[in-house]
Amino acid sequence: MSALLKIRDGVVIAPNDGRVFTPLAEWQAAPAEARGRAVLLAADDDPHALADALGDLDAIAVAFTIFKDGRGFSIARILRSRLHWRGELRAVGDIARDQLNYLARCGFDVLALRDDQDAEA
């Protein structure tokens, strides 16, 4: 199980929320009244697709499929700077300790480390 870290006021804590994130295409295909409040964006998803629905969401997760793919950083900047998303923004997938500072600087406040990464280190 990957380590889940939450950054709040510069302090890292480990939340246990059990939240379910629905992939964007499935979320969009569902009737509005049946949509969940947490969406998963893939690296090739357009965050602007959520622009009109941000008020209906509690959390957005961005999937990093490989370490060297930086599109997730761009998605975070778009959500935070252009779309003014203030809810939880979670980085999931191929996340290594070396990326934590950069992820936080881009606006992620919850980080799910890879299984082989030691959160305590």
PDB file of N, CA and C in Angstrom:
ATOM      1  N   MET A   1       0.837  -1.174   0.000  1.00  0.00           N
ATOM      2  CA  MET A   1       0.000   0.000   0.000  1.00  0.00           C
ATOM      3  C   MET A   1       0.888   1.245   0.000  1.00  0.00           C
ATOM      4  N   SER A   2       0.568   2.198  -0.838  1.00  0.00           N
ATOM      5  CA  SER A   2       1.387   3.407  -0.923  1.00  0.00           C
ATOM      6  C   SER A   2       1.135   4.313   0.276  1.00  0.00           C
ATOM      7  N   ALA A   3       2.142   5.101   0.591  1.00  0.00           N
ATOM      8  CA  ALA A   3       2.004   6.055   1.692  1.00  0.00           C
ATOM      9  C   ALA A   3       1.221   7.264   1.198  1.00  0.00           C
ATOM     10  N   LEU A   4       0.268   7.689   1.988  1.00  0.00           N
ATOM     11  CA  LEU A   4      -0.547   8.844   1.641  1.00  0.00           C
ATOM     12  C   LEU A   4      -0.177   9.970   2.581  1.00  0.00           C
ATOM     13  N   LEU A   5       0.297  11.060   2.012  1.00  0.00           N
ATOM     14  CA  LEU A   5       0.769  12.185   2.813  1.00  0.00           C
ATOM     15  C   LEU A   5      -0.058  13.412   2.515  1.00  0.00           C
ATOM     16  N   LYS A   6      -0.424  14.125   3.549  1.00  0.00           N
ATOM     17  CA  LYS A   6      -1.165  15.374   3.365  1.00  0.00           C
ATOM     18  C   LYS A   6      -0.320  16.508   3.920  1.00  0.00           C
ATOM     19  N   ILE A   7      -0.207  17.575   3.146  1.00  0.00           N
ATOM     20  CA  ILE A   7       0.561  18.736   3.562  1.00  0.00           C
ATOM     21  C   ILE A   7      -0.433  19.801   4.018  1.00  0.00           C
ATOM     22  N   ARG A   8      -0.317  20.218   5.263  1.00  0.00           N
ATOM     23  CA  ARG A   8      -1.196  21.261   5.788  1.00  0.00           C
ATOM     24  C   ARG A   8      -0.343  22.210   6.618  1.00  0.00           C
ATOM     25  N   ASP A   9      -0.283  23.439   6.220  1.00  0.00           N
ATOM     26  CA  ASP A   9       0.517  24.441   6.925  1.00  0.00           C
ATOM     27  C   ASP A   9       1.965  23.995   7.080  1.00  0.00           C
ATOM     28  N   GLY A  10       2.506  23.370   6.035  1.00  0.00           N
ATOM     29  CA  GLY A  10       3.897  22.932   6.057  1.00  0.00           C
ATOM     30  C   GLY A  10       4.145  21.655   6.825  1.00  0.00           C
ATOM     31  N   VAL A  11       3.098  21.052   7.393  1.00  0.00           N
ATOM     32  CA  VAL A  11       3.238  19.829   8.174  1.00  0.00           C
ATOM     33  C   VAL A  11       2.640  18.681   7.377  1.00  0.00           C
ATOM     34  N   VAL A  12       3.331  17.550   7.351  1.00  0.00           N
ATOM     35  CA  VAL A  12       2.859  16.379   6.617  1.00  0.00           C
ATOM     36  C   VAL A  12       2.125  15.460   7.584  1.00  0.00           C
ATOM     37  N   ILE A  13       0.893  15.094   7.241  1.00  0.00           N
ATOM     38  CA  ILE A  13       0.120  14.155   8.044  1.00  0.00           C
ATOM     39  C   ILE A  13      -0.368  13.037   7.138  1.00  0.00           C
ATOM     40  N   ALA A  14      -0.808  11.933   7.700  1.00  0.00           N
ATOM     41  CA  ALA A  14      -1.274  10.790   6.913  1.00  0.00           C
ATOM     42  C   ALA A  14      -2.786  10.644   7.080  1.00  0.00           C
ATOM     43  N   PRO A  15      -3.575  11.079   6.110  1.00  0.00           N
ATOM     44  CA  PRO A  15      -5.025  10.949   6.219  1.00  0.00           C
ATOM     45  C   PRO A  15      -5.477   9.525   5.914  1.00  0.00           C
ATOM     46  N   ASN A  16      -6.614   9.152   6.436  1.00  0.00           N
ATOM     47  CA  ASN A  16      -7.195   7.845   6.153  1.00  0.00           C
ATOM     48  C   ASN A  16      -8.648   8.085   5.783  1.00  0.00           C
ATOM     49  N   ASP A  17      -8.875   8.587   4.562  1.00  0.00           N
ATOM     50  CA  ASP A  17     -10.228   8.986   4.195  1.00  0.00           C
ATOM     51  C   ASP A  17     -10.979   7.974   3.341  1.00  0.00           C
ATOM     52  N   GLY A  18     -10.290   7.024   2.720  1.00  0.00           N
ATOM     53  CA  GLY A  18     -10.956   6.014   1.913  1.00  0.00           C
ATOM     54  C   GLY A  18     -11.751   6.571   0.744  1.00  0.00           C
ATOM     55  N   ARG A  19     -11.418   7.756   0.289  1.00  0.00           N
ATOM     56  CA  ARG A  19     -12.137   8.425  -0.790  1.00  0.00           C
ATOM     57  C   ARG A  19     -11.973   7.659  -2.108  1.00  0.00           C
ATOM     58  N   VAL A  20     -13.040   7.619  -2.908  1.00  0.00           N
ATOM     59  CA  VAL A  20     -13.015   6.962  -4.211  1.00  0.00           C
ATOM     60  C   VAL A  20     -12.993   8.040  -5.287  1.00  0.00           C
ATOM     61  N   PHE A  21     -12.004   7.983  -6.190  1.00  0.00           N
ATOM     62  CA  PHE A  21     -11.866   8.943  -7.275  1.00  0.00           C
ATOM     63  C   PHE A  21     -12.335   8.288  -8.575  1.00  0.00           C
ATOM     64  N   THR A  22     -13.250   8.943  -9.272  1.00  0.00           N
ATOM     65  CA  THR A  22     -13.795   8.428 -10.524  1.00  0.00           C
ATOM     66  C   THR A  22     -13.024   9.028 -11.691  1.00  0.00           C
ATOM     67  N   PRO A  23     -12.541   8.172 -12.633  1.00  0.00           N
ATOM     68  CA  PRO A  23     -11.856   8.717 -13.815  1.00  0.00           C
ATOM     69  C   PRO A  23     -12.753   9.726 -14.544  1.00  0.00           C
ATOM     70  N   LEU A  24     -12.132  10.752 -15.102  1.00  0.00           N
ATOM     71  CA  LEU A  24     -12.863  11.858 -15.720  1.00  0.00           C
ATOM     72  C   LEU A  24     -13.904  11.391 -16.725  1.00  0.00           C
ATOM     73  N   ALA A  25     -13.549  10.499 -17.646  1.00  0.00           N
ATOM     74  CA  ALA A  25     -14.503  10.064 -18.678  1.00  0.00           C
ATOM     75  C   ALA A  25     -15.731   9.405 -18.058  1.00  0.00           C
ATOM     76  N   GLU A  26     -15.542   8.570 -17.034  1.00  0.00           N
ATOM     77  CA  GLU A  26     -16.683   7.940 -16.359  1.00  0.00           C
ATOM     78  C   GLU A  26     -17.504   8.972 -15.604  1.00  0.00           C
ATOM     79  N   TRP A  27     -16.840   9.908 -14.968  1.00  0.00           N
ATOM     80  CA  TRP A  27     -17.518  10.958 -14.216  1.00  0.00           C
ATOM     81  C   TRP A  27     -18.385  11.796 -15.156  1.00  0.00           C
ATOM     82  N   GLN A  28     -17.836  12.152 -16.322  1.00  0.00           N
ATOM     83  CA  GLN A  28     -18.586  12.956 -17.293  1.00  0.00           C
ATOM     84  C   GLN A  28     -19.768  12.186 -17.865  1.00  0.00           C
ATOM     85  N   ALA A  29     -19.621  10.870 -18.032  1.00  0.00           N
ATOM     86  CA  ALA A  29     -20.679  10.056 -18.623  1.00  0.00           C
ATOM     87  C   ALA A  29     -21.839   9.805 -17.657  1.00  0.00           C
ATOM     88  N   ALA A  30     -21.600   9.937 -16.380  1.00  0.00           N
ATOM     89  CA  ALA A  30     -22.645   9.689 -15.382  1.00  0.00           C
ATOM     90  C   ALA A  30     -23.631  10.851 -15.343  1.00  0.00           C
ATOM     91  N   PRO A  31     -24.892  10.555 -15.027  1.00  0.00           N
ATOM     92  CA  PRO A  31     -25.850  11.650 -14.846  1.00  0.00           C
ATOM     93  C   PRO A  31     -25.383  12.559 -13.705  1.00  0.00           C
ATOM     94  N   ALA A  32     -25.656  13.830 -13.800  1.00  0.00           N
ATOM     95  CA  ALA A  32     -25.166  14.808 -12.823  1.00  0.00           C
ATOM     96  C   ALA A  32     -25.505  14.411 -11.391  1.00  0.00           C
ATOM     97  N   GLU A  33     -26.699  13.882 -11.157  1.00  0.00           N
ATOM     98  CA  GLU A  33     -27.100  13.534  -9.798  1.00  0.00           C
ATOM     99  C   GLU A  33     -26.391  12.276  -9.273  1.00  0.00           C
ATOM    100  N   ALA A  34     -25.756  11.520 -10.161  1.00  0.00           N
ATOM    101  CA  ALA A  34     -25.071  10.295  -9.748  1.00  0.00           C
ATOM    102  C   ALA A  34     -23.553  10.460  -9.683  1.00  0.00           C
ATOM    103  N   ARG A  35     -23.056  11.615 -10.030  1.00  0.00           N
ATOM    104  CA  ARG A  35     -21.612  11.841 -10.032  1.00  0.00           C
ATOM    105  C   ARG A  35     -21.070  11.926  -8.611  1.00  0.00           C
ATOM    106  N   GLY A  36     -19.887  11.362  -8.453  1.00  0.00           N
ATOM    107  CA  GLY A  36     -19.215  11.478  -7.170  1.00  0.00           C
ATOM    108  C   GLY A  36     -18.604  12.861  -7.001  1.00  0.00           C
ATOM    109  N   ARG A  37     -18.008  13.093  -5.842  1.00  0.00           N
ATOM    110  CA  ARG A  37     -17.432  14.399  -5.542  1.00  0.00           C
ATOM    111  C   ARG A  37     -15.913  14.387  -5.624  1.00  0.00           C
ATOM    112  N   ALA A  38     -15.347  13.300  -6.217  1.00  0.00           N
ATOM    113  CA  ALA A  38     -13.896  13.198  -6.368  1.00  0.00           C
ATOM    114  C   ALA A  38     -13.593  12.641  -7.757  1.00  0.00           C
ATOM    115  N   VAL A  39     -12.725  13.326  -8.503  1.00  0.00           N
ATOM    116  CA  VAL A  39     -12.413  12.967  -9.892  1.00  0.00           C
ATOM    117  C   VAL A  39     -10.926  12.662 -10.030  1.00  0.00           C
ATOM    118  N   LEU A  40     -10.626  11.683 -10.884  1.00  0.00           N
ATOM    119  CA  LEU A  40      -9.250  11.319 -11.217  1.00  0.00           C
ATOM    120  C   LEU A  40      -8.941  11.798 -12.627  1.00  0.00           C
ATOM    121  N   LEU A  41      -7.930  12.646 -12.780  1.00  0.00           N
ATOM    122  CA  LEU A  41      -7.483  13.106 -14.096  1.00  0.00           C
ATOM    123  C   LEU A  41      -6.251  12.321 -14.517  1.00  0.00           C
ATOM    124  N   ALA A  42      -6.261  11.821 -15.742  1.00  0.00           N
ATOM    125  CA  ALA A  42      -5.077  11.189 -16.329  1.00  0.00           C
ATOM    126  C   ALA A  42      -4.198  12.291 -16.907  1.00  0.00           C
ATOM    127  N   ALA A  43      -2.969  11.956 -17.220  1.00  0.00           N
ATOM    128  CA  ALA A  43      -2.018  12.945 -17.729  1.00  0.00           C
ATOM    129  C   ALA A  43      -2.498  13.601 -19.022  1.00  0.00           C
ATOM    130  N   ASP A  44      -3.306  12.889 -19.803  1.00  0.00           N
ATOM    131  CA  ASP A  44      -3.766  13.461 -21.069  1.00  0.00           C
ATOM    132  C   ASP A  44      -5.179  14.053 -20.979  1.00  0.00           C
ATOM    133  N   ASP A  45      -5.756  14.127 -19.786  1.00  0.00           N
ATOM    134  CA  ASP A  45      -7.059  14.776 -19.605  1.00  0.00           C
ATOM    135  C   ASP A  45      -6.881  16.295 -19.554  1.00  0.00           C
ATOM    136  N   ASP A  46      -7.883  16.996 -20.011  1.00  0.00           N
ATOM    137  CA  ASP A  46      -7.864  18.456 -19.979  1.00  0.00           C
ATOM    138  C   ASP A  46      -8.558  18.929 -18.704  1.00  0.00           C
ATOM    139  N   PRO A  47      -7.839  19.563 -17.798  1.00  0.00           N
ATOM    140  CA  PRO A  47      -8.469  20.017 -16.556  1.00  0.00           C
ATOM    141  C   PRO A  47      -9.568  21.054 -16.791  1.00  0.00           C
ATOM    142  N   HIS A  48      -9.542  21.733 -17.930  1.00  0.00           N
ATOM    143  CA  HIS A  48     -10.593  22.705 -18.245  1.00  0.00           C
ATOM    144  C   HIS A  48     -11.951  22.031 -18.371  1.00  0.00           C
ATOM    145  N   ALA A  49     -11.972  20.715 -18.589  1.00  0.00           N
ATOM    146  CA  ALA A  49     -13.235  19.983 -18.687  1.00  0.00           C
ATOM    147  C   ALA A  49     -14.017  20.043 -17.375  1.00  0.00           C
ATOM    148  N   LEU A  50     -13.334  20.344 -16.279  1.00  0.00           N
ATOM    149  CA  LEU A  50     -13.986  20.431 -14.974  1.00  0.00           C
ATOM    150  C   LEU A  50     -14.369  21.858 -14.585  1.00  0.00           C
ATOM    151  N   ALA A  51     -14.055  22.817 -15.412  1.00  0.00           N
ATOM    152  CA  ALA A  51     -14.215  24.233 -15.054  1.00  0.00           C
ATOM    153  C   ALA A  51     -15.607  24.564 -14.519  1.00  0.00           C
ATOM    154  N   ASP A  52     -16.654  24.062 -15.139  1.00  0.00           N
ATOM    155  CA  ASP A  52     -18.014  24.392 -14.721  1.00  0.00           C
ATOM    156  C   ASP A  52     -18.501  23.554 -13.543  1.00  0.00           C
ATOM    157  N   ALA A  53     -17.738  22.534 -13.163  1.00  0.00           N
ATOM    158  CA  ALA A  53     -18.188  21.619 -12.112  1.00  0.00           C
ATOM    159  C   ALA A  53     -17.330  21.681 -10.854  1.00  0.00           C
ATOM    160  N   LEU A  54     -16.358  22.569 -10.812  1.00  0.00           N
ATOM    161  CA  LEU A  54     -15.447  22.596  -9.662  1.00  0.00           C
ATOM    162  C   LEU A  54     -16.185  22.810  -8.340  1.00  0.00           C
ATOM    163  N   GLY A  55     -17.257  23.563  -8.349  1.00  0.00           N
ATOM    164  CA  GLY A  55     -18.025  23.779  -7.133  1.00  0.00           C
ATOM    165  C   GLY A  55     -18.727  22.535  -6.615  1.00  0.00           C
ATOM    166  N   ASP A  56     -18.853  21.519  -7.465  1.00  0.00           N
ATOM    167  CA  ASP A  56     -19.502  20.264  -7.081  1.00  0.00           C
ATOM    168  C   ASP A  56     -18.512  19.222  -6.575  1.00  0.00           C
ATOM    169  N   LEU A  57     -17.229  19.544  -6.581  1.00  0.00           N
ATOM    170  CA  LEU A  57     -16.198  18.570  -6.220  1.00  0.00           C
ATOM    171  C   LEU A  57     -15.569  18.884  -4.876  1.00  0.00           C
ATOM    172  N   ASP A  58     -15.142  17.825  -4.195  1.00  0.00           N
ATOM    173  CA  ASP A  58     -14.381  17.955  -2.955  1.00  0.00           C
ATOM    174  C   ASP A  58     -12.894  17.748  -3.195  1.00  0.00           C
ATOM    175  N   ALA A  59     -12.576  16.895  -4.194  1.00  0.00           N
ATOM    176  CA  ALA A  59     -11.176  16.543  -4.417  1.00  0.00           C
ATOM    177  C   ALA A  59     -10.937  16.158  -5.870  1.00  0.00           C
ATOM    178  N   ILE A  60      -9.708  16.418  -6.308  1.00  0.00           N
ATOM    179  CA  ILE A  60      -9.251  16.015  -7.638  1.00  0.00           C
ATOM    180  C   ILE A  60      -7.914  15.312  -7.456  1.00  0.00           C
ATOM    181  N   ALA A  61      -7.772  14.150  -8.079  1.00  0.00           N
ATOM    182  CA  ALA A  61      -6.499  13.437  -8.084  1.00  0.00           C
ATOM    183  C   ALA A  61      -5.928  13.493  -9.495  1.00  0.00           C
ATOM    184  N   VAL A  62      -4.625  13.631  -9.588  1.00  0.00           N
ATOM    185  CA  VAL A  62      -3.934  13.645 -10.881  1.00  0.00           C
ATOM    186  C   VAL A  62      -3.009  12.448 -10.912  1.00  0.00           C
ATOM    187  N   ALA A  63      -3.149  11.616 -11.936  1.00  0.00           N
ATOM    188  CA  ALA A  63      -2.363  10.389 -12.052  1.00  0.00           C
ATOM    189  C   ALA A  63      -1.058  10.642 -12.794  1.00  0.00           C
ATOM    190  N   PHE A  64       0.035  10.235 -12.183  1.00  0.00           N
ATOM    191  CA  PHE A  64       1.356  10.261 -12.805  1.00  0.00           C
ATOM    192  C   PHE A  64       1.675   8.820 -13.180  1.00  0.00           C
ATOM    193  N   THR A  65       1.703   8.529 -14.498  1.00  0.00           N
ATOM    194  CA  THR A  65       1.898   7.143 -14.919  1.00  0.00           C
ATOM    195  C   THR A  65       3.363   6.729 -14.964  1.00  0.00           C
ATOM    196  N   ILE A  66       4.247   7.664 -15.294  1.00  0.00           N
ATOM    197  CA  ILE A  66       5.678   7.385 -15.266  1.00  0.00           C
ATOM    198  C   ILE A  66       6.406   8.588 -14.681  1.00  0.00           C
ATOM    199  N   PHE A  67       7.516   8.319 -14.028  1.00  0.00           N
ATOM    200  CA  PHE A  67       8.273   9.333 -13.305  1.00  0.00           C
ATOM    201  C   PHE A  67       8.635  10.539 -14.168  1.00  0.00           C
ATOM    202  N   LYS A  68       9.009  10.298 -15.416  1.00  0.00           N
ATOM    203  CA  LYS A  68       9.509  11.392 -16.249  1.00  0.00           C
ATOM    204  C   LYS A  68       8.428  12.155 -17.006  1.00  0.00           C
ATOM    205  N   ASP A  69       7.148  11.837 -16.768  1.00  0.00           N
ATOM    206  CA  ASP A  69       6.050  12.546 -17.418  1.00  0.00           C
ATOM    207  C   ASP A  69       5.624  13.703 -16.523  1.00  0.00           C
ATOM    208  N   GLY A  70       5.857  14.923 -16.958  1.00  0.00           N
ATOM    209  CA  GLY A  70       5.579  16.099 -16.151  1.00  0.00           C
ATOM    210  C   GLY A  70       4.230  16.741 -16.384  1.00  0.00           C
ATOM    211  N   ARG A  71       3.362  16.118 -17.169  1.00  0.00           N
ATOM    212  CA  ARG A  71       2.068  16.744 -17.465  1.00  0.00           C
ATOM    213  C   ARG A  71       1.218  16.958 -16.221  1.00  0.00           C
ATOM    214  N   GLY A  72       1.372  16.101 -15.228  1.00  0.00           N
ATOM    215  CA  GLY A  72       0.608  16.258 -13.991  1.00  0.00           C
ATOM    216  C   GLY A  72       0.926  17.561 -13.278  1.00  0.00           C
ATOM    217  N   PHE A  73       2.192  17.999 -13.363  1.00  0.00           N
ATOM    218  CA  PHE A  73       2.574  19.286 -12.773  1.00  0.00           C
ATOM    219  C   PHE A  73       1.828  20.427 -13.468  1.00  0.00           C
ATOM    220  N   SER A  74       1.729  20.336 -14.796  1.00  0.00           N
ATOM    221  CA  SER A  74       1.021  21.360 -15.567  1.00  0.00           C
ATOM    222  C   SER A  74      -0.467  21.367 -15.235  1.00  0.00           C
ATOM    223  N   ILE A  75      -1.054  20.184 -15.082  1.00  0.00           N
ATOM    224  CA  ILE A  75      -2.472  20.096 -14.717  1.00  0.00           C
ATOM    225  C   ILE A  75      -2.707  20.784 -13.380  1.00  0.00           C
ATOM    226  N   ALA A  76      -1.816  20.543 -12.422  1.00  0.00           N
ATOM    227  CA  ALA A  76      -1.960  21.170 -11.105  1.00  0.00           C
ATOM    228  C   ALA A  76      -1.895  22.690 -11.206  1.00  0.00           C
ATOM    229  N   ARG A  77      -0.958  23.199 -11.976  1.00  0.00           N
ATOM    230  CA  ARG A  77      -0.832  24.664 -12.123  1.00  0.00           C
ATOM    231  C   ARG A  77      -2.074  25.256 -12.770  1.00  0.00           C
ATOM    232  N   ILE A  78      -2.615  24.563 -13.777  1.00  0.00           N
ATOM    233  CA  ILE A  78      -3.833  25.047 -14.431  1.00  0.00           C
ATOM    234  C   ILE A  78      -4.993  25.066 -13.431  1.00  0.00           C
ATOM    235  N   LEU A  79      -5.151  23.980 -12.682  1.00  0.00           N
ATOM    236  CA  LEU A  79      -6.239  23.925 -11.709  1.00  0.00           C
ATOM    237  C   LEU A  79      -6.113  25.017 -10.657  1.00  0.00           C
ATOM    238  N   ARG A  80      -4.919  25.213 -10.140  1.00  0.00           N
ATOM    239  CA  ARG A  80      -4.730  26.185  -9.062  1.00  0.00           C
ATOM    240  C   ARG A  80      -4.695  27.630  -9.571  1.00  0.00           C
ATOM    241  N   SER A  81      -3.955  27.878 -10.641  1.00  0.00           N
ATOM    242  CA  SER A  81      -3.746  29.265 -11.091  1.00  0.00           C
ATOM    243  C   SER A  81      -4.819  29.788 -12.033  1.00  0.00           C
ATOM    244  N   ARG A  82      -5.217  28.999 -12.993  1.00  0.00           N
ATOM    245  CA  ARG A  82      -6.183  29.475 -13.982  1.00  0.00           C
ATOM    246  C   ARG A  82      -7.629  29.223 -13.587  1.00  0.00           C
ATOM    247  N   LEU A  83      -7.882  28.038 -12.999  1.00  0.00           N
ATOM    248  CA  LEU A  83      -9.257  27.683 -12.650  1.00  0.00           C
ATOM    249  C   LEU A  83      -9.574  27.968 -11.181  1.00  0.00           C
ATOM    250  N   HIS A  84      -8.575  28.387 -10.443  1.00  0.00           N
ATOM    251  CA  HIS A  84      -8.720  28.796  -9.044  1.00  0.00           C
ATOM    252  C   HIS A  84      -9.321  27.710  -8.146  1.00  0.00           C
ATOM    253  N   TRP A  85      -8.937  26.455  -8.407  1.00  0.00           N
ATOM    254  CA  TRP A  85      -9.375  25.327  -7.582  1.00  0.00           C
ATOM    255  C   TRP A  85      -8.717  25.424  -6.208  1.00  0.00           C
ATOM    256  N   ARG A  86      -9.512  25.392  -5.151  1.00  0.00           N
ATOM    257  CA  ARG A  86      -8.991  25.501  -3.785  1.00  0.00           C
ATOM    258  C   ARG A  86      -9.214  24.232  -2.972  1.00  0.00           C
ATOM    259  N   GLY A  87      -9.875  23.243  -3.569  1.00  0.00           N
ATOM    260  CA  GLY A  87     -10.113  21.980  -2.867  1.00  0.00           C
ATOM    261  C   GLY A  87      -8.874  21.111  -2.833  1.00  0.00           C
ATOM    262  N   GLU A  88      -9.055  19.901  -2.331  1.00  0.00           N
ATOM    263  CA  GLU A  88      -7.939  18.959  -2.238  1.00  0.00           C
ATOM    264  C   GLU A  88      -7.441  18.579  -3.625  1.00  0.00           C
ATOM    265  N   LEU A  89      -6.130  18.611  -3.786  1.00  0.00           N
ATOM    266  CA  LEU A  89      -5.492  18.203  -5.032  1.00  0.00           C
ATOM    267  C   LEU A  89      -4.463  17.130  -4.691  1.00  0.00           C
ATOM    268  N   ARG A  90      -4.702  15.927  -5.177  1.00  0.00           N
ATOM    269  CA  ARG A  90      -3.926  14.753  -4.800  1.00  0.00           C
ATOM    270  C   ARG A  90      -3.099  14.237  -5.981  1.00  0.00           C
ATOM    271  N   ALA A  91      -1.832  13.964  -5.750  1.00  0.00           N
ATOM    272  CA  ALA A  91      -0.952  13.348  -6.754  1.00  0.00           C
ATOM    273  C   ALA A  91      -0.869  11.855  -6.460  1.00  0.00           C
ATOM    274  N   VAL A  92      -1.152  11.035  -7.474  1.00  0.00           N
ATOM    275  CA  VAL A  92      -1.124   9.578  -7.308  1.00  0.00           C
ATOM    276  C   VAL A  92      -0.349   8.942  -8.453  1.00  0.00           C
ATOM    277  N   GLY A  93       0.121   7.735  -8.230  1.00  0.00           N
ATOM    278  CA  GLY A  93       0.815   6.999  -9.280  1.00  0.00           C
ATOM    279  C   GLY A  93       2.296   6.885  -9.013  1.00  0.00           C
ATOM    280  N   ASP A  94       3.091   7.177 -10.022  1.00  0.00           N
ATOM    281  CA  ASP A  94       4.546   7.032  -9.940  1.00  0.00           C
ATOM    282  C   ASP A  94       5.143   8.259  -9.258  1.00  0.00           C
ATOM    283  N   ILE A  95       4.916   8.362  -7.942  1.00  0.00           N
ATOM    284  CA  ILE A  95       5.377   9.498  -7.154  1.00  0.00           C
ATOM    285  C   ILE A  95       6.535   9.047  -6.266  1.00  0.00           C
ATOM    286  N   ALA A  96       7.664   9.741  -6.395  1.00  0.00           N
ATOM    287  CA  ALA A  96       8.852   9.429  -5.597  1.00  0.00           C
ATOM    288  C   ALA A  96       9.130  10.572  -4.622  1.00  0.00           C
ATOM    289  N   ARG A  97       9.850  10.246  -3.558  1.00  0.00           N
ATOM    290  CA  ARG A  97      10.202  11.257  -2.542  1.00  0.00           C
ATOM    291  C   ARG A  97      10.859  12.479  -3.164  1.00  0.00           C
ATOM    292  N   ASP A  98      11.672  12.279  -4.185  1.00  0.00           N
ATOM    293  CA  ASP A  98      12.393  13.386  -4.816  1.00  0.00           C
ATOM    294  C   ASP A  98      11.464  14.442  -5.409  1.00  0.00           C
ATOM    295  N   GLN A  99      10.233  14.086  -5.680  1.00  0.00           N
ATOM    296  CA  GLN A  99       9.278  14.996  -6.309  1.00  0.00           C
ATOM    297  C   GLN A  99       8.431  15.777  -5.313  1.00  0.00           C
ATOM    298  N   LEU A 100       8.465  15.420  -4.046  1.00  0.00           N
ATOM    299  CA  LEU A 100       7.518  15.979  -3.080  1.00  0.00           C
ATOM    300  C   LEU A 100       7.543  17.502  -3.024  1.00  0.00           C
ATOM    301  N   ASN A 101       8.709  18.087  -2.977  1.00  0.00           N
ATOM    302  CA  ASN A 101       8.800  19.550  -2.903  1.00  0.00           C
ATOM    303  C   ASN A 101       8.209  20.200  -4.155  1.00  0.00           C
ATOM    304  N   TYR A 102       8.516  19.653  -5.312  1.00  0.00           N
ATOM    305  CA  TYR A 102       8.008  20.223  -6.568  1.00  0.00           C
ATOM    306  C   TYR A 102       6.492  20.062  -6.661  1.00  0.00           C
ATOM    307  N   LEU A 103       5.980  18.911  -6.218  1.00  0.00           N
ATOM    308  CA  LEU A 103       4.534  18.692  -6.242  1.00  0.00           C
ATOM    309  C   LEU A 103       3.821  19.693  -5.342  1.00  0.00           C
ATOM    310  N   ALA A 104       4.366  19.914  -4.164  1.00  0.00           N
ATOM    311  CA  ALA A 104       3.764  20.883  -3.236  1.00  0.00           C
ATOM    312  C   ALA A 104       3.805  22.291  -3.829  1.00  0.00           C
ATOM    313  N   ARG A 105       4.901  22.642  -4.475  1.00  0.00           N
ATOM    314  CA  ARG A 105       5.018  23.975  -5.071  1.00  0.00           C
ATOM    315  C   ARG A 105       4.027  24.188  -6.208  1.00  0.00           C
ATOM    316  N   CYS A 106       3.627  23.118  -6.876  1.00  0.00           N
ATOM    317  CA  CYS A 106       2.653  23.220  -7.964  1.00  0.00           C
ATOM    318  C   CYS A 106       1.221  23.249  -7.453  1.00  0.00           C
ATOM    319  N   GLY A 107       1.020  22.968  -6.168  1.00  0.00           N
ATOM    320  CA  GLY A 107      -0.317  23.054  -5.609  1.00  0.00           C
ATOM    321  C   GLY A 107      -0.902  21.770  -5.068  1.00  0.00           C
ATOM    322  N   PHE A 108      -0.193  20.659  -5.186  1.00  0.00           N
ATOM    323  CA  PHE A 108      -0.707  19.420  -4.613  1.00  0.00           C
ATOM    324  C   PHE A 108      -0.642  19.510  -3.102  1.00  0.00           C
ATOM    325  N   ASP A 109      -1.697  19.046  -2.443  1.00  0.00           N
ATOM    326  CA  ASP A 109      -1.668  19.036  -0.984  1.00  0.00           C
ATOM    327  C   ASP A 109      -1.809  17.643  -0.394  1.00  0.00           C
ATOM    328  N   VAL A 110      -2.035  16.637  -1.242  1.00  0.00           N
ATOM    329  CA  VAL A 110      -2.030  15.244  -0.811  1.00  0.00           C
ATOM    330  C   VAL A 110      -1.207  14.466  -1.830  1.00  0.00           C
ATOM    331  N   LEU A 111      -0.299  13.630  -1.337  1.00  0.00           N
ATOM    332  CA  LEU A 111       0.627  12.911  -2.202  1.00  0.00           C
ATOM    333  C   LEU A 111       0.610  11.430  -1.851  1.00  0.00           C
ATOM    334  N   ALA A 112       0.397  10.577  -2.837  1.00  0.00           N
ATOM    335  CA  ALA A 112       0.422   9.134  -2.640  1.00  0.00           C
ATOM    336  C   ALA A 112       1.723   8.604  -3.225  1.00  0.00           C
ATOM    337  N   LEU A 113       2.666   8.257  -2.359  1.00  0.00           N
ATOM    338  CA  LEU A 113       3.967   7.767  -2.809  1.00  0.00           C
ATOM    339  C   LEU A 113       3.867   6.362  -3.389  1.00  0.00           C
ATOM    340  N   ARG A 114       4.809   6.035  -4.277  1.00  0.00           N
ATOM    341  CA  ARG A 114       4.923   4.665  -4.782  1.00  0.00           C
ATOM    342  C   ARG A 114       5.174   3.729  -3.616  1.00  0.00           C
ATOM    343  N   ASP A 115       4.832   2.463  -3.812  1.00  0.00           N
ATOM    344  CA  ASP A 115       5.012   1.467  -2.774  1.00  0.00           C
ATOM    345  C   ASP A 115       6.462   1.306  -2.335  1.00  0.00           C
ATOM    346  N   ASP A 116       7.405   1.547  -3.241  1.00  0.00           N
ATOM    347  CA  ASP A 116       8.819   1.341  -2.895  1.00  0.00           C
ATOM    348  C   ASP A 116       9.464   2.574  -2.229  1.00  0.00           C
ATOM    349  N   GLN A 117       8.676   3.596  -1.961  1.00  0.00           N
ATOM    350  CA  GLN A 117       9.186   4.820  -1.355  1.00  0.00           C
ATOM    351  C   GLN A 117       8.867   4.848   0.138  1.00  0.00           C
ATOM    352  N   ASP A 118       9.818   5.253   0.942  1.00  0.00           N
ATOM    353  CA  ASP A 118       9.663   5.322   2.380  1.00  0.00           C
ATOM    354  C   ASP A 118       9.256   6.722   2.791  1.00  0.00           C
ATOM    355  N   ALA A 119       8.025   6.877   3.228  1.00  0.00           N
ATOM    356  CA  ALA A 119       7.525   8.197   3.615  1.00  0.00           C
ATOM    357  C   ALA A 119       8.273   8.752   4.806  1.00  0.00           C
ATOM    358  N   GLU A 120       8.757   7.898   5.682  1.00  0.00           N
ATOM    359  CA  GLU A 120       9.476   8.348   6.875  1.00  0.00           C
ATOM    360  C   GLU A 120      10.830   8.958   6.513  1.00  0.00           C
ATOM    361  N   ALA A 121      11.437   8.500   5.422  1.00  0.00           N
ATOM    362  CA  ALA A 121      12.742   9.021   4.996  1.00  0.00           C
ATOM    363  C   ALA A 121      12.570  10.409   4.448  1.00  0.00           C
TER     364      ALA A 121
END
